[in-house]
Amino acid sequence: PTTDYYRLQAFFAASELTEPSLAEPAEVEAFEAA
């Protein structure tokens, strides 16, 4: 049923599409300097 579709979707209700940094500070500083 449609309710089950939105129940499955509800598992992702709090989720955001993000791009968290994986870089070390030195890598960020070197890039900004370049």
Full PDB file with SEQRES, HELIX, SHEET, SSBOND, CRYST1, ORIGX, SCALE, CONECT and MASTER records, all heavy atoms in Angstrom:
SEQRES   1 A   34  PRO THR THR ASP TYR TYR ARG LEU GLN ALA PHE PHE ALA          
SEQRES   2 A   34  ALA SER GLU LEU THR GLU PRO SER LEU ALA GLU PRO ALA          
SEQRES   3 A   34  GLU VAL GLU ALA PHE GLU ALA ALA                              
HELIX    1 AA1 THR A    2  ALA A   10  1                                   9    
HELIX    2 AA2 PRO A   25  ALA A   33  1                                   9    
CRYST1    1.000    1.000    1.000  90.00  90.00  90.00 P 1           1          
ORIGX1      1.000000  0.000000  0.000000        0.00000                         
ORIGX2      0.000000  1.000000  0.000000        0.00000                         
ORIGX3      0.000000  0.000000  1.000000        0.00000                         
SCALE1      1.000000  0.000000  0.000000        0.00000                         
SCALE2      0.000000  1.000000  0.000000        0.00000                         
SCALE3      0.000000  0.000000  1.000000        0.00000                         
ATOM      1  N   PRO A   1       0.832  -1.212   0.000  1.00  0.00           N  
ATOM      2  CA  PRO A   1       0.000   0.000   0.000  1.00  0.00           C  
ATOM      3  C   PRO A   1       0.862   1.256   0.000  1.00  0.00           C  
ATOM      4  O   PRO A   1       2.054   1.215   0.335  1.00  0.00           O  
ATOM      5  CB  PRO A   1      -0.795  -0.124   1.303  1.00  0.00           C  
ATOM      6  CG  PRO A   1       0.041  -0.986   2.183  1.00  0.00           C  
ATOM      7  CD  PRO A   1       0.781  -1.934   1.278  1.00  0.00           C  
ATOM      8  N   THR A   2       0.273   2.353  -0.368  1.00  0.00           N  
ATOM      9  CA  THR A   2       1.002   3.620  -0.389  1.00  0.00           C  
ATOM     10  C   THR A   2       1.576   3.951   0.983  1.00  0.00           C  
ATOM     11  O   THR A   2       2.671   4.509   1.091  1.00  0.00           O  
ATOM     12  CB  THR A   2       0.068   4.757  -0.846  1.00  0.00           C  
ATOM     13  OG1 THR A   2      -0.495   4.415  -2.109  1.00  0.00           O  
ATOM     14  CG2 THR A   2       0.802   6.067  -0.977  1.00  0.00           C  
ATOM     15  N   THR A   3       0.835   3.602   2.038  1.00  0.00           N  
ATOM     16  CA  THR A   3       1.342   3.873   3.386  1.00  0.00           C  
ATOM     17  C   THR A   3       2.676   3.174   3.617  1.00  0.00           C  
ATOM     18  O   THR A   3       3.561   3.719   4.275  1.00  0.00           O  
ATOM     19  CB  THR A   3       0.321   3.397   4.432  1.00  0.00           C  
ATOM     20  OG1 THR A   3      -0.156   2.093   4.070  1.00  0.00           O  
ATOM     21  CG2 THR A   3      -0.858   4.345   4.524  1.00  0.00           C  
ATOM     22  N   ASP A   4       2.848   1.971   3.074  1.00  0.00           N  
ATOM     23  CA  ASP A   4       4.113   1.258   3.271  1.00  0.00           C  
ATOM     24  C   ASP A   4       5.250   1.919   2.507  1.00  0.00           C  
ATOM     25  O   ASP A   4       6.405   1.878   2.934  1.00  0.00           O  
ATOM     26  CB  ASP A   4       3.971  -0.205   2.841  1.00  0.00           C  
ATOM     27  CG  ASP A   4       3.525  -1.092   3.993  1.00  0.00           C  
ATOM     28  OD1 ASP A   4       3.252  -0.550   5.078  1.00  0.00           O  
ATOM     29  OD2 ASP A   4       3.432  -2.321   3.802  1.00  0.00           O  
ATOM     30  N   TYR A   5       4.937   2.505   1.350  1.00  0.00           N  
ATOM     31  CA  TYR A   5       5.976   3.236   0.631  1.00  0.00           C  
ATOM     32  C   TYR A   5       6.501   4.376   1.501  1.00  0.00           C  
ATOM     33  O   TYR A   5       7.713   4.563   1.652  1.00  0.00           O  
ATOM     34  CB  TYR A   5       5.433   3.794  -0.682  1.00  0.00           C  
ATOM     35  CG  TYR A   5       6.417   4.711  -1.374  1.00  0.00           C  
ATOM     36  CD1 TYR A   5       7.384   4.207  -2.229  1.00  0.00           C  
ATOM     37  CD2 TYR A   5       6.418   6.093  -1.136  1.00  0.00           C  
ATOM     38  CE1 TYR A   5       8.321   5.030  -2.836  1.00  0.00           C  
ATOM     39  CE2 TYR A   5       7.341   6.927  -1.734  1.00  0.00           C  
ATOM     40  CZ  TYR A   5       8.288   6.394  -2.584  1.00  0.00           C  
ATOM     41  OH  TYR A   5       9.214   7.217  -3.172  1.00  0.00           O  
ATOM     42  N   TYR A   6       5.589   5.148   2.083  1.00  0.00           N  
ATOM     43  CA  TYR A   6       6.016   6.301   2.871  1.00  0.00           C  
ATOM     44  C   TYR A   6       6.573   5.890   4.228  1.00  0.00           C  
ATOM     45  O   TYR A   6       7.358   6.634   4.831  1.00  0.00           O  
ATOM     46  CB  TYR A   6       4.874   7.305   2.996  1.00  0.00           C  
ATOM     47  CG  TYR A   6       4.634   8.010   1.675  1.00  0.00           C  
ATOM     48  CD1 TYR A   6       3.617   7.607   0.815  1.00  0.00           C  
ATOM     49  CD2 TYR A   6       5.480   9.023   1.258  1.00  0.00           C  
ATOM     50  CE1 TYR A   6       3.426   8.215  -0.418  1.00  0.00           C  
ATOM     51  CE2 TYR A   6       5.304   9.646   0.026  1.00  0.00           C  
ATOM     52  CZ  TYR A   6       4.276   9.234  -0.810  1.00  0.00           C  
ATOM     53  OH  TYR A   6       4.119   9.837  -2.033  1.00  0.00           O  
ATOM     54  N   ARG A   7       6.193   4.715   4.722  1.00  0.00           N  
ATOM     55  CA  ARG A   7       6.842   4.196   5.928  1.00  0.00           C  
ATOM     56  C   ARG A   7       8.305   3.871   5.645  1.00  0.00           C  
ATOM     57  O   ARG A   7       9.184   4.147   6.460  1.00  0.00           O  
ATOM     58  CB  ARG A   7       6.102   2.944   6.413  1.00  0.00           C  
ATOM     59  CG  ARG A   7       4.769   3.240   7.097  1.00  0.00           C  
ATOM     60  CD  ARG A   7       4.126   1.954   7.577  1.00  0.00           C  
ATOM     61  NE  ARG A   7       2.891   2.218   8.292  1.00  0.00           N  
ATOM     62  CZ  ARG A   7       1.708   1.722   7.966  1.00  0.00           C  
ATOM     63  NH1 ARG A   7       1.615   0.916   6.915  1.00  0.00           N  
ATOM     64  NH2 ARG A   7       0.634   2.012   8.665  1.00  0.00           N  
ATOM     65  N   LEU A   8       8.565   3.262   4.501  1.00  0.00           N  
ATOM     66  CA  LEU A   8       9.954   2.984   4.143  1.00  0.00           C  
ATOM     67  C   LEU A   8      10.712   4.294   3.941  1.00  0.00           C  
ATOM     68  O   LEU A   8      11.860   4.442   4.384  1.00  0.00           O  
ATOM     69  CB  LEU A   8      10.007   2.131   2.875  1.00  0.00           C  
ATOM     70  CG  LEU A   8      11.405   1.711   2.407  1.00  0.00           C  
ATOM     71  CD1 LEU A   8      12.094   0.849   3.465  1.00  0.00           C  
ATOM     72  CD2 LEU A   8      11.332   0.957   1.080  1.00  0.00           C  
ATOM     73  N   GLN A   9      10.085   5.257   3.300  1.00  0.00           N  
ATOM     74  CA  GLN A   9      10.731   6.555   3.085  1.00  0.00           C  
ATOM     75  C   GLN A   9      11.015   7.251   4.410  1.00  0.00           C  
ATOM     76  O   GLN A   9      12.001   7.993   4.533  1.00  0.00           O  
ATOM     77  CB  GLN A   9       9.827   7.430   2.209  1.00  0.00           C  
ATOM     78  CG  GLN A   9      10.406   8.800   1.912  1.00  0.00           C  
ATOM     79  CD  GLN A   9       9.522   9.601   0.985  1.00  0.00           C  
ATOM     80  OE1 GLN A   9       9.422   9.314  -0.197  1.00  0.00           O  
ATOM     81  NE2 GLN A   9       8.848  10.601   1.536  1.00  0.00           N  
ATOM     82  N   ALA A  10      10.175   7.004   5.425  1.00  0.00           N  
ATOM     83  CA  ALA A  10      10.339   7.682   6.716  1.00  0.00           C  
ATOM     84  C   ALA A  10      11.653   7.329   7.397  1.00  0.00           C  
ATOM     85  O   ALA A  10      12.134   8.082   8.254  1.00  0.00           O  
ATOM     86  CB  ALA A  10       9.161   7.335   7.633  1.00  0.00           C  
ATOM     87  N   PHE A  11      12.261   6.191   7.044  1.00  0.00           N  
ATOM     88  CA  PHE A  11      13.572   5.861   7.601  1.00  0.00           C  
ATOM     89  C   PHE A  11      14.609   6.912   7.229  1.00  0.00           C  
ATOM     90  O   PHE A  11      15.631   7.060   7.906  1.00  0.00           O  
ATOM     91  CB  PHE A  11      14.036   4.495   7.093  1.00  0.00           C  
ATOM     92  CG  PHE A  11      13.369   3.319   7.758  1.00  0.00           C  
ATOM     93  CD1 PHE A  11      12.410   2.580   7.098  1.00  0.00           C  
ATOM     94  CD2 PHE A  11      13.709   2.963   9.056  1.00  0.00           C  
ATOM     95  CE1 PHE A  11      11.804   1.492   7.702  1.00  0.00           C  
ATOM     96  CE2 PHE A  11      13.105   1.878   9.676  1.00  0.00           C  
ATOM     97  CZ  PHE A  11      12.147   1.136   8.997  1.00  0.00           C  
ATOM     98  N   PHE A  12      14.361   7.648   6.154  1.00  0.00           N  
ATOM     99  CA  PHE A  12      15.328   8.635   5.654  1.00  0.00           C  
ATOM    100  C   PHE A  12      14.872  10.067   5.920  1.00  0.00           C  
ATOM    101  O   PHE A  12      15.464  11.007   5.397  1.00  0.00           O  
ATOM    102  CB  PHE A  12      15.535   8.426   4.157  1.00  0.00           C  
ATOM    103  CG  PHE A  12      16.024   7.048   3.804  1.00  0.00           C  
ATOM    104  CD1 PHE A  12      15.125   6.044   3.458  1.00  0.00           C  
ATOM    105  CD2 PHE A  12      17.370   6.744   3.842  1.00  0.00           C  
ATOM    106  CE1 PHE A  12      15.559   4.771   3.151  1.00  0.00           C  
ATOM    107  CE2 PHE A  12      17.817   5.472   3.538  1.00  0.00           C  
ATOM    108  CZ  PHE A  12      16.913   4.476   3.200  1.00  0.00           C  
ATOM    109  N   ALA A  13      13.827  10.228   6.748  1.00  0.00           N  
ATOM    110  CA  ALA A  13      13.248  11.564   6.948  1.00  0.00           C  
ATOM    111  C   ALA A  13      14.235  12.543   7.565  1.00  0.00           C  
ATOM    112  O   ALA A  13      14.196  13.744   7.270  1.00  0.00           O  
ATOM    113  CB  ALA A  13      11.989  11.454   7.816  1.00  0.00           C  
ATOM    114  N   ALA A  14      15.108  12.073   8.436  1.00  0.00           N  
ATOM    115  CA  ALA A  14      16.063  12.971   9.088  1.00  0.00           C  
ATOM    116  C   ALA A  14      17.358  13.123   8.302  1.00  0.00           C  
ATOM    117  O   ALA A  14      18.239  13.886   8.699  1.00  0.00           O  
ATOM    118  CB  ALA A  14      16.388  12.450  10.491  1.00  0.00           C  
ATOM    119  N   SER A  15      17.471  12.422   7.199  1.00  0.00           N  
ATOM    120  CA  SER A  15      18.742  12.351   6.474  1.00  0.00           C  
ATOM    121  C   SER A  15      18.895  13.506   5.493  1.00  0.00           C  
ATOM    122  O   SER A  15      17.940  13.895   4.823  1.00  0.00           O  
ATOM    123  CB  SER A  15      18.848  11.024   5.721  1.00  0.00           C  
ATOM    124  OG  SER A  15      18.689   9.937   6.617  1.00  0.00           O  
ATOM    125  N   GLU A  16      20.100  14.003   5.419  1.00  0.00           N  
ATOM    126  CA  GLU A  16      20.431  15.096   4.517  1.00  0.00           C  
ATOM    127  C   GLU A  16      21.549  14.674   3.574  1.00  0.00           C  
ATOM    128  O   GLU A  16      22.412  13.867   3.931  1.00  0.00           O  
ATOM    129  CB  GLU A  16      20.867  16.340   5.293  1.00  0.00           C  
ATOM    130  CG  GLU A  16      19.828  16.884   6.263  1.00  0.00           C  
ATOM    131  CD  GLU A  16      18.646  17.519   5.549  1.00  0.00           C  
ATOM    132  OE1 GLU A  16      18.793  17.849   4.351  1.00  0.00           O  
ATOM    133  OE2 GLU A  16      17.596  17.702   6.191  1.00  0.00           O  
ATOM    134  N   LEU A  17      21.540  15.233   2.373  1.00  0.00           N  
ATOM    135  CA  LEU A  17      22.599  14.993   1.400  1.00  0.00           C  
ATOM    136  C   LEU A  17      23.735  15.961   1.706  1.00  0.00           C  
ATOM    137  O   LEU A  17      23.596  17.166   1.499  1.00  0.00           O  
ATOM    138  CB  LEU A  17      22.080  15.190  -0.024  1.00  0.00           C  
ATOM    139  CG  LEU A  17      21.256  14.051  -0.636  1.00  0.00           C  
ATOM    140  CD1 LEU A  17      20.001  13.758   0.173  1.00  0.00           C  
ATOM    141  CD2 LEU A  17      20.870  14.370  -2.069  1.00  0.00           C  
ATOM    142  N   THR A  18      24.831  15.424   2.232  1.00  0.00           N  
ATOM    143  CA  THR A  18      25.906  16.280   2.729  1.00  0.00           C  
ATOM    144  C   THR A  18      27.239  15.908   2.103  1.00  0.00           C  
ATOM    145  O   THR A  18      27.391  14.842   1.512  1.00  0.00           O  
ATOM    146  CB  THR A  18      26.020  16.172   4.259  1.00  0.00           C  
ATOM    147  OG1 THR A  18      26.296  14.799   4.611  1.00  0.00           O  
ATOM    148  CG2 THR A  18      24.735  16.614   4.937  1.00  0.00           C  
ATOM    149  N   GLU A  19      28.214  16.805   2.246  1.00  0.00           N  
ATOM    150  CA  GLU A  19      29.579  16.576   1.773  1.00  0.00           C  
ATOM    151  C   GLU A  19      30.549  16.877   2.907  1.00  0.00           C  
ATOM    152  O   GLU A  19      31.311  17.854   2.844  1.00  0.00           O  
ATOM    153  CB  GLU A  19      29.901  17.439   0.546  1.00  0.00           C  
ATOM    154  CG  GLU A  19      29.316  16.936  -0.756  1.00  0.00           C  
ATOM    155  CD  GLU A  19      27.839  17.278  -0.906  1.00  0.00           C  
ATOM    156  OE1 GLU A  19      27.442  18.357  -0.424  1.00  0.00           O  
ATOM    157  OE2 GLU A  19      27.093  16.468  -1.482  1.00  0.00           O  
ATOM    158  N   PRO A  20      30.551  16.070   3.980  1.00  0.00           N  
ATOM    159  CA  PRO A  20      31.456  16.346   5.104  1.00  0.00           C  
ATOM    160  C   PRO A  20      32.921  16.217   4.691  1.00  0.00           C  
ATOM    161  O   PRO A  20      33.285  15.392   3.856  1.00  0.00           O  
ATOM    162  CB  PRO A  20      31.082  15.269   6.132  1.00  0.00           C  
ATOM    163  CG  PRO A  20      30.426  14.181   5.338  1.00  0.00           C  
ATOM    164  CD  PRO A  20      29.745  14.856   4.200  1.00  0.00           C  
ATOM    165  N   SER A  21      33.747  17.031   5.296  1.00  0.00           N  
ATOM    166  CA  SER A  21      35.172  17.041   4.957  1.00  0.00           C  
ATOM    167  C   SER A  21      35.868  15.802   5.493  1.00  0.00           C  
ATOM    168  O   SER A  21      35.586  15.331   6.596  1.00  0.00           O  
ATOM    169  CB  SER A  21      35.837  18.292   5.529  1.00  0.00           C  
ATOM    170  OG  SER A  21      37.232  18.260   5.289  1.00  0.00           O  
ATOM    171  N   LEU A  22      36.780  15.272   4.694  1.00  0.00           N  
ATOM    172  CA  LEU A  22      37.633  14.151   5.100  1.00  0.00           C  
ATOM    173  C   LEU A  22      39.084  14.584   5.196  1.00  0.00           C  
ATOM    174  O   LEU A  22      39.956  13.774   5.513  1.00  0.00           O  
ATOM    175  CB  LEU A  22      37.520  13.009   4.082  1.00  0.00           C  
ATOM    176  CG  LEU A  22      36.138  12.417   3.825  1.00  0.00           C  
ATOM    177  CD1 LEU A  22      36.223  11.394   2.693  1.00  0.00           C  
ATOM    178  CD2 LEU A  22      35.574  11.771   5.079  1.00  0.00           C  
ATOM    179  N   ALA A  23      39.333  15.846   4.902  1.00  0.00           N  
ATOM    180  CA  ALA A  23      40.713  16.324   4.767  1.00  0.00           C  
ATOM    181  C   ALA A  23      41.322  16.691   6.112  1.00  0.00           C  
ATOM    182  O   ALA A  23      40.633  17.163   7.029  1.00  0.00           O  
ATOM    183  CB  ALA A  23      40.752  17.527   3.841  1.00  0.00           C  
ATOM    184  N   GLU A  24      42.624  16.493   6.201  1.00  0.00           N  
ATOM    185  CA  GLU A  24      43.379  16.965   7.358  1.00  0.00           C  
ATOM    186  C   GLU A  24      43.580  18.477   7.222  1.00  0.00           C  
ATOM    187  O   GLU A  24      43.596  19.013   6.107  1.00  0.00           O  
ATOM    188  CB  GLU A  24      44.734  16.261   7.425  1.00  0.00           C  
ATOM    189  CG  GLU A  24      44.652  14.758   7.615  1.00  0.00           C  
ATOM    190  CD  GLU A  24      44.085  14.370   8.973  1.00  0.00           C  
ATOM    191  OE1 GLU A  24      44.234  15.181   9.920  1.00  0.00           O  
ATOM    192  OE2 GLU A  24      43.491  13.282   9.082  1.00  0.00           O  
ATOM    193  N   PRO A  25      43.734  19.176   8.344  1.00  0.00           N  
ATOM    194  CA  PRO A  25      43.933  20.638   8.279  1.00  0.00           C  
ATOM    195  C   PRO A  25      45.071  21.053   7.352  1.00  0.00           C  
ATOM    196  O   PRO A  25      44.964  22.053   6.634  1.00  0.00           O  
ATOM    197  CB  PRO A  25      44.235  21.009   9.736  1.00  0.00           C  
ATOM    198  CG  PRO A  25      43.545  19.955  10.536  1.00  0.00           C  
ATOM    199  CD  PRO A  25      43.653  18.704   9.736  1.00  0.00           C  
ATOM    200  N   ALA A  26      46.145  20.282   7.333  1.00  0.00           N  
ATOM    201  CA  ALA A  26      47.280  20.636   6.484  1.00  0.00           C  
ATOM    202  C   ALA A  26      46.897  20.601   5.010  1.00  0.00           C  
ATOM    203  O   ALA A  26      47.360  21.434   4.212  1.00  0.00           O  
ATOM    204  CB  ALA A  26      48.449  19.678   6.749  1.00  0.00           C  
ATOM    205  N   GLU A  27      46.038  19.636   4.636  1.00  0.00           N  
ATOM    206  CA  GLU A  27      45.595  19.537   3.244  1.00  0.00           C  
ATOM    207  C   GLU A  27      44.754  20.757   2.867  1.00  0.00           C  
ATOM    208  O   GLU A  27      44.904  21.316   1.774  1.00  0.00           O  
ATOM    209  CB  GLU A  27      44.782  18.258   3.047  1.00  0.00           C  
ATOM    210  CG  GLU A  27      44.303  18.051   1.611  1.00  0.00           C  
ATOM    211  CD  GLU A  27      43.402  16.832   1.459  1.00  0.00           C  
ATOM    212  OE1 GLU A  27      43.307  16.030   2.415  1.00  0.00           O  
ATOM    213  OE2 GLU A  27      42.781  16.685   0.386  1.00  0.00           O  
ATOM    214  N   VAL A  28      43.876  21.183   3.781  1.00  0.00           N  
ATOM    215  CA  VAL A  28      43.031  22.353   3.520  1.00  0.00           C  
ATOM    216  C   VAL A  28      43.889  23.607   3.393  1.00  0.00           C  
ATOM    217  O   VAL A  28      43.694  24.427   2.481  1.00  0.00           O  
ATOM    218  CB  VAL A  28      41.991  22.521   4.645  1.00  0.00           C  
ATOM    219  CG1 VAL A  28      41.168  23.787   4.422  1.00  0.00           C  
ATOM    220  CG2 VAL A  28      41.083  21.298   4.728  1.00  0.00           C  
ATOM    221  N   GLU A  29      44.852  23.746   4.285  1.00  0.00           N  
ATOM    222  CA  GLU A  29      45.717  24.931   4.251  1.00  0.00           C  
ATOM    223  C   GLU A  29      46.534  24.980   2.965  1.00  0.00           C  
ATOM    224  O   GLU A  29      46.685  26.045   2.354  1.00  0.00           O  
ATOM    225  CB  GLU A  29      46.648  24.914   5.466  1.00  0.00           C  
ATOM    226  CG  GLU A  29      45.941  25.140   6.789  1.00  0.00           C  
ATOM    227  CD  GLU A  29      46.865  24.967   7.980  1.00  0.00           C  
ATOM    228  OE1 GLU A  29      48.096  24.798   7.751  1.00  0.00           O  
ATOM    229  OE2 GLU A  29      46.376  24.999   9.116  1.00  0.00           O  
ATOM    230  N   ALA A  30      47.037  23.829   2.533  1.00  0.00           N  
ATOM    231  CA  ALA A  30      47.838  23.791   1.307  1.00  0.00           C  
ATOM    232  C   ALA A  30      46.989  24.164   0.095  1.00  0.00           C  
ATOM    233  O   ALA A  30      47.444  24.898  -0.798  1.00  0.00           O  
ATOM    234  CB  ALA A  30      48.440  22.397   1.124  1.00  0.00           C  
ATOM    235  N   PHE A  31      45.736  23.678   0.078  1.00  0.00           N  
ATOM    236  CA  PHE A  31      44.856  24.005  -1.043  1.00  0.00           C  
ATOM    237  C   PHE A  31      44.541  25.499  -1.061  1.00  0.00           C  
ATOM    238  O   PHE A  31      44.569  26.140  -2.125  1.00  0.00           O  
ATOM    239  CB  PHE A  31      43.573  23.190  -0.963  1.00  0.00           C  
ATOM    240  CG  PHE A  31      42.568  23.548  -2.025  1.00  0.00           C  
ATOM    241  CD1 PHE A  31      42.698  23.051  -3.315  1.00  0.00           C  
ATOM    242  CD2 PHE A  31      41.506  24.406  -1.750  1.00  0.00           C  
ATOM    243  CE1 PHE A  31      41.785  23.398  -4.308  1.00  0.00           C  
ATOM    244  CE2 PHE A  31      40.590  24.758  -2.730  1.00  0.00           C  
ATOM    245  CZ  PHE A  31      40.729  24.246  -4.011  1.00  0.00           C  
ATOM    246  N   GLU A  32      44.205  26.051   0.101  1.00  0.00           N  
ATOM    247  CA  GLU A  32      43.864  27.476   0.160  1.00  0.00           C  
ATOM    248  C   GLU A  32      45.050  28.337  -0.250  1.00  0.00           C  
ATOM    249  O   GLU A  32      44.877  29.361  -0.930  1.00  0.00           O  
ATOM    250  CB  GLU A  32      43.392  27.843   1.572  1.00  0.00           C  
ATOM    251  CG  GLU A  32      42.056  27.223   1.974  1.00  0.00           C  
ATOM    252  CD  GLU A  32      40.925  27.636   1.056  1.00  0.00           C  
ATOM    253  OE1 GLU A  32      40.971  28.767   0.518  1.00  0.00           O  
ATOM    254  OE2 GLU A  32      39.990  26.839   0.851  1.00  0.00           O  
ATOM    255  N   ALA A  33      46.247  27.922   0.124  1.00  0.00           N  
ATOM    256  CA  ALA A  33      47.435  28.684  -0.261  1.00  0.00           C  
ATOM    257  C   ALA A  33      47.647  28.622  -1.773  1.00  0.00           C  
ATOM    258  O   ALA A  33      47.959  29.645  -2.412  1.00  0.00           O  
ATOM    259  CB  ALA A  33      48.662  28.125   0.470  1.00  0.00           C  
ATOM    260  N   ALA A  34      47.440  27.431  -2.355  1.00  0.00           N  
ATOM    261  CA  ALA A  34      47.594  27.291  -3.804  1.00  0.00           C  
ATOM    262  C   ALA A  34      46.538  28.108  -4.535  1.00  0.00           C  
ATOM    263  O   ALA A  34      46.824  28.758  -5.554  1.00  0.00           O  
ATOM    264  CB  ALA A  34      47.503  25.819  -4.197  1.00  0.00           C  
TER     265      ALA A  34                                                      
MASTER        0    0    0    2    0    0    0    6  264    1    0    3          
END                                                                             
